[in-house]
Amino acid sequence: MKIKKRIYSQVLKIVFLTGLLFFNNSIIYGQEEMEDAIVSLSFSDETETKTITATVTDQSGIPIEEVELNFYVQRTFSLLPLGDGFNETDENGELEIEFPNDLPGDAEGNVTIIVKIIEHDLYNDLTIETIKKWGIPTIISDTKGERSLWAAAANAPITLIITVSGMILVIWFIILYIIFNFYKISKIKPLKL
């Protein structure tokens, strides 16, 4: 009887703690609800250097200090980080970073600048995307019909086709040679002693 009471008591504790974990996040995290921050961006390219200035305020317009902002430029397969490792706002809620002058853009020179607030204790995650004509225009040449490594199989380089075909023929020759030798070995009659 004592064992049943002890098990029942342990099950009740587990159920209570599970309910506390799943249904009352404010007790676990020690805060009511996270707020949305407001980030405004301004761009300056009047001098030789291009700068991005971000201002972070709360919903009532009060500047927020020590908010880590992550600046990125969209590349083909990932995001290229800009600025220092730690970009935090000052006491006025402002942060200024320098934009590199040598980043390639699309055919017109457009680059997508992304600013993020990630995993802040008091404010929700935020992502802002802006397109600026601050990149170096990239000219994409039309390579249809030319032989290159990245072309389709019909336009692969001739040396690559010959090399791969030769390797396949050598492998098949070795396989057939081994099979032929196995056949010859199977035809050998055992010695009679």
C-alpha atoms as a PDB file:
ATOM      1  CA  MET A   1       0.000   0.000   0.000  1.00  0.00           C
ATOM      2  CA  LYS A   2       2.886   2.353   0.832  1.00  0.00           C
ATOM      3  CA  ILE A   3       4.474   1.705  -2.574  1.00  0.00           C
ATOM      4  CA  LYS A   4       1.231   2.620  -4.382  1.00  0.00           C
ATOM      5  CA  LYS A   5       0.967   5.901  -2.435  1.00  0.00           C
ATOM      6  CA  ARG A   6       4.590   6.735  -3.179  1.00  0.00           C
ATOM      7  CA  ILE A   7       4.131   6.019  -6.908  1.00  0.00           C
ATOM      8  CA  TYR A   8       0.893   8.026  -6.954  1.00  0.00           C
ATOM      9  CA  SER A   9       2.644  10.942  -5.229  1.00  0.00           C
ATOM     10  CA  GLN A  10       5.552  10.855  -7.748  1.00  0.00           C
ATOM     11  CA  VAL A  11       3.155  10.742 -10.722  1.00  0.00           C
ATOM     12  CA  LEU A  12       1.271  13.770  -9.357  1.00  0.00           C
ATOM     13  CA  LYS A  13       4.550  15.687  -8.978  1.00  0.00           C
ATOM     14  CA  ILE A  14       5.554  14.867 -12.556  1.00  0.00           C
ATOM     15  CA  VAL A  15       2.154  15.912 -13.908  1.00  0.00           C
ATOM     16  CA  PHE A  16       2.267  19.158 -11.920  1.00  0.00           C
ATOM     17  CA  LEU A  17       5.791  20.053 -13.103  1.00  0.00           C
ATOM     18  CA  THR A  18       4.949  19.185 -16.709  1.00  0.00           C
ATOM     19  CA  GLY A  19       1.890  21.426 -16.564  1.00  0.00           C
ATOM     20  CA  LEU A  20       4.018  24.173 -15.062  1.00  0.00           C
ATOM     21  CA  LEU A  21       6.545  23.861 -17.896  1.00  0.00           C
ATOM     22  CA  PHE A  22       4.114  23.782 -20.783  1.00  0.00           C
ATOM     23  CA  PHE A  23       1.350  26.122 -19.686  1.00  0.00           C
ATOM     24  CA  ASN A  24       3.061  28.902 -17.780  1.00  0.00           C
ATOM     25  CA  ASN A  25       6.002  30.359 -19.718  1.00  0.00           C
ATOM     26  CA  SER A  26       5.961  33.576 -17.714  1.00  0.00           C
ATOM     27  CA  ILE A  27       7.089  31.745 -14.560  1.00  0.00           C
ATOM     28  CA  ILE A  28       9.869  29.914 -16.415  1.00  0.00           C
ATOM     29  CA  TYR A  29      11.263  32.900 -18.291  1.00  0.00           C
ATOM     30  CA  GLY A  30      10.552  35.477 -15.598  1.00  0.00           C
ATOM     31  CA  GLN A  31       8.846  37.910 -17.956  1.00  0.00           C
ATOM     32  CA  GLU A  32       5.386  38.596 -19.156  1.00  0.00           C
ATOM     33  CA  GLU A  33       5.601  38.976 -22.911  1.00  0.00           C
ATOM     34  CA  MET A  34       8.263  40.059 -25.386  1.00  0.00           C
ATOM     35  CA  GLU A  35       7.830  43.350 -27.225  1.00  0.00           C
ATOM     36  CA  ASP A  36       8.475  44.347 -30.807  1.00  0.00           C
ATOM     37  CA  ALA A  37      11.346  46.752 -31.395  1.00  0.00           C
ATOM     38  CA  ILE A  38      11.206  49.348 -34.174  1.00  0.00           C
ATOM     39  CA  VAL A  39      14.297  49.584 -36.358  1.00  0.00           C
ATOM     40  CA  SER A  40      14.672  52.454 -38.817  1.00  0.00           C
ATOM     41  CA  LEU A  41      17.501  52.503 -41.341  1.00  0.00           C
ATOM     42  CA  SER A  42      19.155  55.439 -43.045  1.00  0.00           C
ATOM     43  CA  PHE A  43      21.774  55.227 -45.767  1.00  0.00           C
ATOM     44  CA  SER A  44      24.536  57.686 -46.562  1.00  0.00           C
ATOM     45  CA  ASP A  45      26.814  57.623 -49.602  1.00  0.00           C
ATOM     46  CA  GLU A  46      27.794  61.287 -49.723  1.00  0.00           C
ATOM     47  CA  THR A  47      31.484  60.657 -48.983  1.00  0.00           C
ATOM     48  CA  GLU A  48      33.806  57.959 -50.319  1.00  0.00           C
ATOM     49  CA  THR A  49      32.479  55.507 -47.732  1.00  0.00           C
ATOM     50  CA  LYS A  50      28.940  54.240 -47.665  1.00  0.00           C
ATOM     51  CA  THR A  51      27.371  53.945 -44.220  1.00  0.00           C
ATOM     52  CA  ILE A  52      24.241  52.357 -42.819  1.00  0.00           C
ATOM     53  CA  THR A  53      22.776  53.889 -39.671  1.00  0.00           C
ATOM     54  CA  ALA A  54      20.207  51.909 -37.700  1.00  0.00           C
ATOM     55  CA  THR A  55      18.074  53.432 -34.936  1.00  0.00           C
ATOM     56  CA  VAL A  56      16.275  51.088 -32.531  1.00  0.00           C
ATOM     57  CA  THR A  57      13.343  52.304 -30.440  1.00  0.00           C
ATOM     58  CA  ASP A  58      10.578  50.651 -28.473  1.00  0.00           C
ATOM     59  CA  GLN A  59       6.877  51.039 -29.239  1.00  0.00           C
ATOM     60  CA  SER A  60       6.702  54.370 -27.381  1.00  0.00           C
ATOM     61  CA  GLY A  61       9.694  55.850 -29.271  1.00  0.00           C
ATOM     62  CA  ILE A  62      12.277  55.568 -26.486  1.00  0.00           C
ATOM     63  CA  PRO A  63      15.745  54.592 -27.805  1.00  0.00           C
ATOM     64  CA  ILE A  64      16.957  51.148 -26.791  1.00  0.00           C
ATOM     65  CA  GLU A  65      20.630  50.700 -25.983  1.00  0.00           C
ATOM     66  CA  GLU A  66      22.748  47.533 -26.155  1.00  0.00           C
ATOM     67  CA  VAL A  67      20.603  45.777 -28.750  1.00  0.00           C
ATOM     68  CA  GLU A  68      22.726  43.541 -30.949  1.00  0.00           C
ATOM     69  CA  LEU A  69      21.983  44.096 -34.631  1.00  0.00           C
ATOM     70  CA  ASN A  70      23.265  41.757 -37.326  1.00  0.00           C
ATOM     71  CA  PHE A  71      23.866  43.234 -40.776  1.00  0.00           C
ATOM     72  CA  TYR A  72      24.041  40.993 -43.839  1.00  0.00           C
ATOM     73  CA  VAL A  73      24.156  41.169 -47.617  1.00  0.00           C
ATOM     74  CA  GLN A  74      22.232  38.484 -49.514  1.00  0.00           C
ATOM     75  CA  ARG A  75      24.550  36.349 -51.627  1.00  0.00           C
ATOM     76  CA  THR A  76      23.644  33.475 -53.934  1.00  0.00           C
ATOM     77  CA  PHE A  77      23.640  30.699 -51.332  1.00  0.00           C
ATOM     78  CA  SER A  78      23.943  32.424 -47.959  1.00  0.00           C
ATOM     79  CA  LEU A  79      24.171  35.710 -46.079  1.00  0.00           C
ATOM     80  CA  LEU A  80      27.442  37.666 -45.960  1.00  0.00           C
ATOM     81  CA  PRO A  81      27.888  39.342 -42.546  1.00  0.00           C
ATOM     82  CA  LEU A  82      28.807  43.037 -42.409  1.00  0.00           C
ATOM     83  CA  GLY A  83      30.319  45.095 -39.623  1.00  0.00           C
ATOM     84  CA  ASP A  84      32.075  43.915 -36.481  1.00  0.00           C
ATOM     85  CA  GLY A  85      31.430  40.692 -34.626  1.00  0.00           C
ATOM     86  CA  PHE A  86      29.297  42.538 -32.060  1.00  0.00           C
ATOM     87  CA  ASN A  87      27.209  45.420 -33.357  1.00  0.00           C
ATOM     88  CA  GLU A  88      25.374  46.968 -30.401  1.00  0.00           C
ATOM     89  CA  THR A  89      23.426  50.185 -30.268  1.00  0.00           C
ATOM     90  CA  ASP A  90      24.693  53.103 -28.180  1.00  0.00           C
ATOM     91  CA  GLU A  91      22.773  55.062 -25.526  1.00  0.00           C
ATOM     92  CA  ASN A  92      20.834  56.861 -28.299  1.00  0.00           C
ATOM     93  CA  GLY A  93      19.737  53.551 -29.796  1.00  0.00           C
ATOM     94  CA  GLU A  94      21.899  54.128 -32.868  1.00  0.00           C
ATOM     95  CA  LEU A  95      24.466  51.992 -34.647  1.00  0.00           C
ATOM     96  CA  GLU A  96      26.509  52.913 -37.697  1.00  0.00           C
ATOM     97  CA  ILE A  97      28.448  50.479 -39.876  1.00  0.00           C
ATOM     98  CA  GLU A  98      30.477  50.935 -43.015  1.00  0.00           C
ATOM     99  CA  PHE A  99      29.364  49.220 -46.220  1.00  0.00           C
ATOM    100  CA  PRO A 100      32.207  47.749 -48.357  1.00  0.00           C
ATOM    101  CA  ASN A 101      32.753  49.360 -51.757  1.00  0.00           C
ATOM    102  CA  ASP A 102      33.789  46.173 -53.553  1.00  0.00           C
ATOM    103  CA  LEU A 103      30.736  43.911 -53.232  1.00  0.00           C
ATOM    104  CA  PRO A 104      29.296  42.620 -56.509  1.00  0.00           C
ATOM    105  CA  GLY A 105      25.592  43.096 -57.070  1.00  0.00           C
ATOM    106  CA  ASP A 106      23.217  41.995 -59.799  1.00  0.00           C
ATOM    107  CA  ALA A 107      23.354  43.254 -63.407  1.00  0.00           C
ATOM    108  CA  GLU A 108      22.209  46.712 -62.261  1.00  0.00           C
ATOM    109  CA  GLY A 109      24.356  46.816 -59.099  1.00  0.00           C
ATOM    110  CA  ASN A 110      21.516  46.147 -56.637  1.00  0.00           C
ATOM    111  CA  VAL A 111      22.297  44.372 -53.360  1.00  0.00           C
ATOM    112  CA  THR A 112      19.848  43.209 -50.693  1.00  0.00           C
ATOM    113  CA  ILE A 113      20.826  44.495 -47.241  1.00  0.00           C
ATOM    114  CA  ILE A 114      19.344  42.564 -44.321  1.00  0.00           C
ATOM    115  CA  VAL A 115      19.260  43.736 -40.693  1.00  0.00           C
ATOM    116  CA  LYS A 116      18.256  41.285 -37.958  1.00  0.00           C
ATOM    117  CA  ILE A 117      17.604  41.234 -34.244  1.00  0.00           C
ATOM    118  CA  ILE A 118      18.193  37.636 -33.174  1.00  0.00           C
ATOM    119  CA  GLU A 119      17.524  36.034 -29.778  1.00  0.00           C
ATOM    120  CA  HIS A 120      17.196  39.172 -27.668  1.00  0.00           C
ATOM    121  CA  ASP A 121      15.968  38.728 -24.098  1.00  0.00           C
ATOM    122  CA  LEU A 122      13.315  41.457 -24.193  1.00  0.00           C
ATOM    123  CA  TYR A 123      12.434  41.921 -27.861  1.00  0.00           C
ATOM    124  CA  ASN A 124      11.100  39.617 -30.560  1.00  0.00           C
ATOM    125  CA  ASP A 125      13.244  38.549 -33.501  1.00  0.00           C
ATOM    126  CA  LEU A 126      13.063  41.005 -36.382  1.00  0.00           C
ATOM    127  CA  THR A 127      14.271  40.994 -39.990  1.00  0.00           C
ATOM    128  CA  ILE A 128      14.374  44.014 -42.296  1.00  0.00           C
ATOM    129  CA  GLU A 129      15.339  43.756 -45.975  1.00  0.00           C
ATOM    130  CA  THR A 130      16.260  46.725 -48.159  1.00  0.00           C
ATOM    131  CA  ILE A 131      17.506  46.831 -51.726  1.00  0.00           C
ATOM    132  CA  LYS A 132      20.174  49.447 -52.504  1.00  0.00           C
ATOM    133  CA  LYS A 133      22.146  50.146 -55.659  1.00  0.00           C
ATOM    134  CA  TRP A 134      25.492  49.967 -53.829  1.00  0.00           C
ATOM    135  CA  GLY A 135      27.024  46.910 -55.503  1.00  0.00           C
ATOM    136  CA  ILE A 136      29.297  46.574 -58.490  1.00  0.00           C
ATOM    137  CA  PRO A 137      27.221  45.573 -61.543  1.00  0.00           C
ATOM    138  CA  THR A 138      27.910  41.983 -62.546  1.00  0.00           C
ATOM    139  CA  ILE A 139      27.856  41.123 -66.228  1.00  0.00           C
ATOM    140  CA  ILE A 140      26.594  37.610 -66.848  1.00  0.00           C
ATOM    141  CA  SER A 141      27.860  36.271 -70.131  1.00  0.00           C
ATOM    142  CA  ASP A 142      25.802  33.910 -72.216  1.00  0.00           C
ATOM    143  CA  THR A 143      27.754  30.642 -72.439  1.00  0.00           C
ATOM    144  CA  LYS A 144      25.259  28.539 -74.359  1.00  0.00           C
ATOM    145  CA  GLY A 145      26.992  26.349 -76.906  1.00  0.00           C
ATOM    146  CA  GLU A 146      30.440  26.766 -75.332  1.00  0.00           C
ATOM    147  CA  ARG A 147      32.253  23.811 -73.810  1.00  0.00           C
ATOM    148  CA  SER A 148      32.849  24.244 -70.068  1.00  0.00           C
ATOM    149  CA  LEU A 149      32.920  22.180 -66.874  1.00  0.00           C
ATOM    150  CA  TRP A 150      29.570  23.562 -65.695  1.00  0.00           C
ATOM    151  CA  ALA A 151      27.833  23.060 -69.038  1.00  0.00           C
ATOM    152  CA  ALA A 152      25.392  20.256 -69.807  1.00  0.00           C
ATOM    153  CA  ALA A 153      26.709  16.846 -70.876  1.00  0.00           C
ATOM    154  CA  ALA A 154      26.454  17.752 -74.566  1.00  0.00           C
ATOM    155  CA  ASN A 155      28.811  20.714 -74.017  1.00  0.00           C
ATOM    156  CA  ALA A 156      31.323  19.080 -71.659  1.00  0.00           C
ATOM    157  CA  PRO A 157      35.009  19.523 -72.531  1.00  0.00           C
ATOM    158  CA  ILE A 158      36.306  16.877 -74.952  1.00  0.00           C
ATOM    159  CA  THR A 159      39.269  16.017 -72.689  1.00  0.00           C
ATOM    160  CA  LEU A 160      36.850  15.308 -69.838  1.00  0.00           C
ATOM    161  CA  ILE A 161      34.693  13.073 -72.050  1.00  0.00           C
ATOM    162  CA  ILE A 162      37.766  11.126 -73.257  1.00  0.00           C
ATOM    163  CA  THR A 163      39.180  10.752 -69.730  1.00  0.00           C
ATOM    164  CA  VAL A 164      35.921   9.523 -68.189  1.00  0.00           C
ATOM    165  CA  SER A 165      35.195   7.191 -71.112  1.00  0.00           C
ATOM    166  CA  GLY A 166      38.722   5.741 -70.874  1.00  0.00           C
ATOM    167  CA  MET A 167      38.346   5.135 -67.138  1.00  0.00           C
ATOM    168  CA  ILE A 168      35.045   3.335 -67.679  1.00  0.00           C
ATOM    169  CA  LEU A 169      36.581   1.136 -70.410  1.00  0.00           C
ATOM    170  CA  VAL A 170      39.566   0.234 -68.198  1.00  0.00           C
ATOM    171  CA  ILE A 171      37.259  -0.715 -65.304  1.00  0.00           C
ATOM    172  CA  TRP A 172      35.109  -2.920 -67.573  1.00  0.00           C
ATOM    173  CA  PHE A 173      38.273  -4.536 -69.016  1.00  0.00           C
ATOM    174  CA  ILE A 174      39.477  -5.407 -65.490  1.00  0.00           C
ATOM    175  CA  ILE A 175      36.079  -6.850 -64.540  1.00  0.00           C
ATOM    176  CA  LEU A 176      35.926  -8.984 -67.701  1.00  0.00           C
ATOM    177  CA  TYR A 177      39.542 -10.129 -67.202  1.00  0.00           C
ATOM    178  CA  ILE A 178      38.741 -11.286 -63.649  1.00  0.00           C
ATOM    179  CA  ILE A 179      35.634 -13.145 -64.861  1.00  0.00           C
ATOM    180  CA  PHE A 180      37.680 -14.808 -67.650  1.00  0.00           C
ATOM    181  CA  ASN A 181      40.332 -15.942 -65.131  1.00  0.00           C
ATOM    182  CA  PHE A 182      37.628 -17.364 -62.854  1.00  0.00           C
ATOM    183  CA  TYR A 183      36.305 -19.300 -65.843  1.00  0.00           C
ATOM    184  CA  LYS A 184      39.787 -20.657 -66.626  1.00  0.00           C
ATOM    185  CA  ILE A 185      40.283 -21.652 -62.981  1.00  0.00           C
ATOM    186  CA  SER A 186      36.961 -23.503 -62.946  1.00  0.00           C
ATOM    187  CA  LYS A 187      38.056 -25.606 -65.986  1.00  0.00           C
ATOM    188  CA  ILE A 188      41.224 -26.866 -64.272  1.00  0.00           C
ATOM    189  CA  LYS A 189      40.860 -30.487 -63.244  1.00  0.00           C
ATOM    190  CA  PRO A 190      41.919 -31.473 -59.756  1.00  0.00           C
ATOM    191  CA  LEU A 191      45.075 -33.570 -59.331  1.00  0.00           C
ATOM    192  CA  LYS A 192      44.608 -37.247 -58.523  1.00  0.00           C
ATOM    193  CA  LEU A 193      46.892 -38.545 -55.853  1.00  0.00           C
END
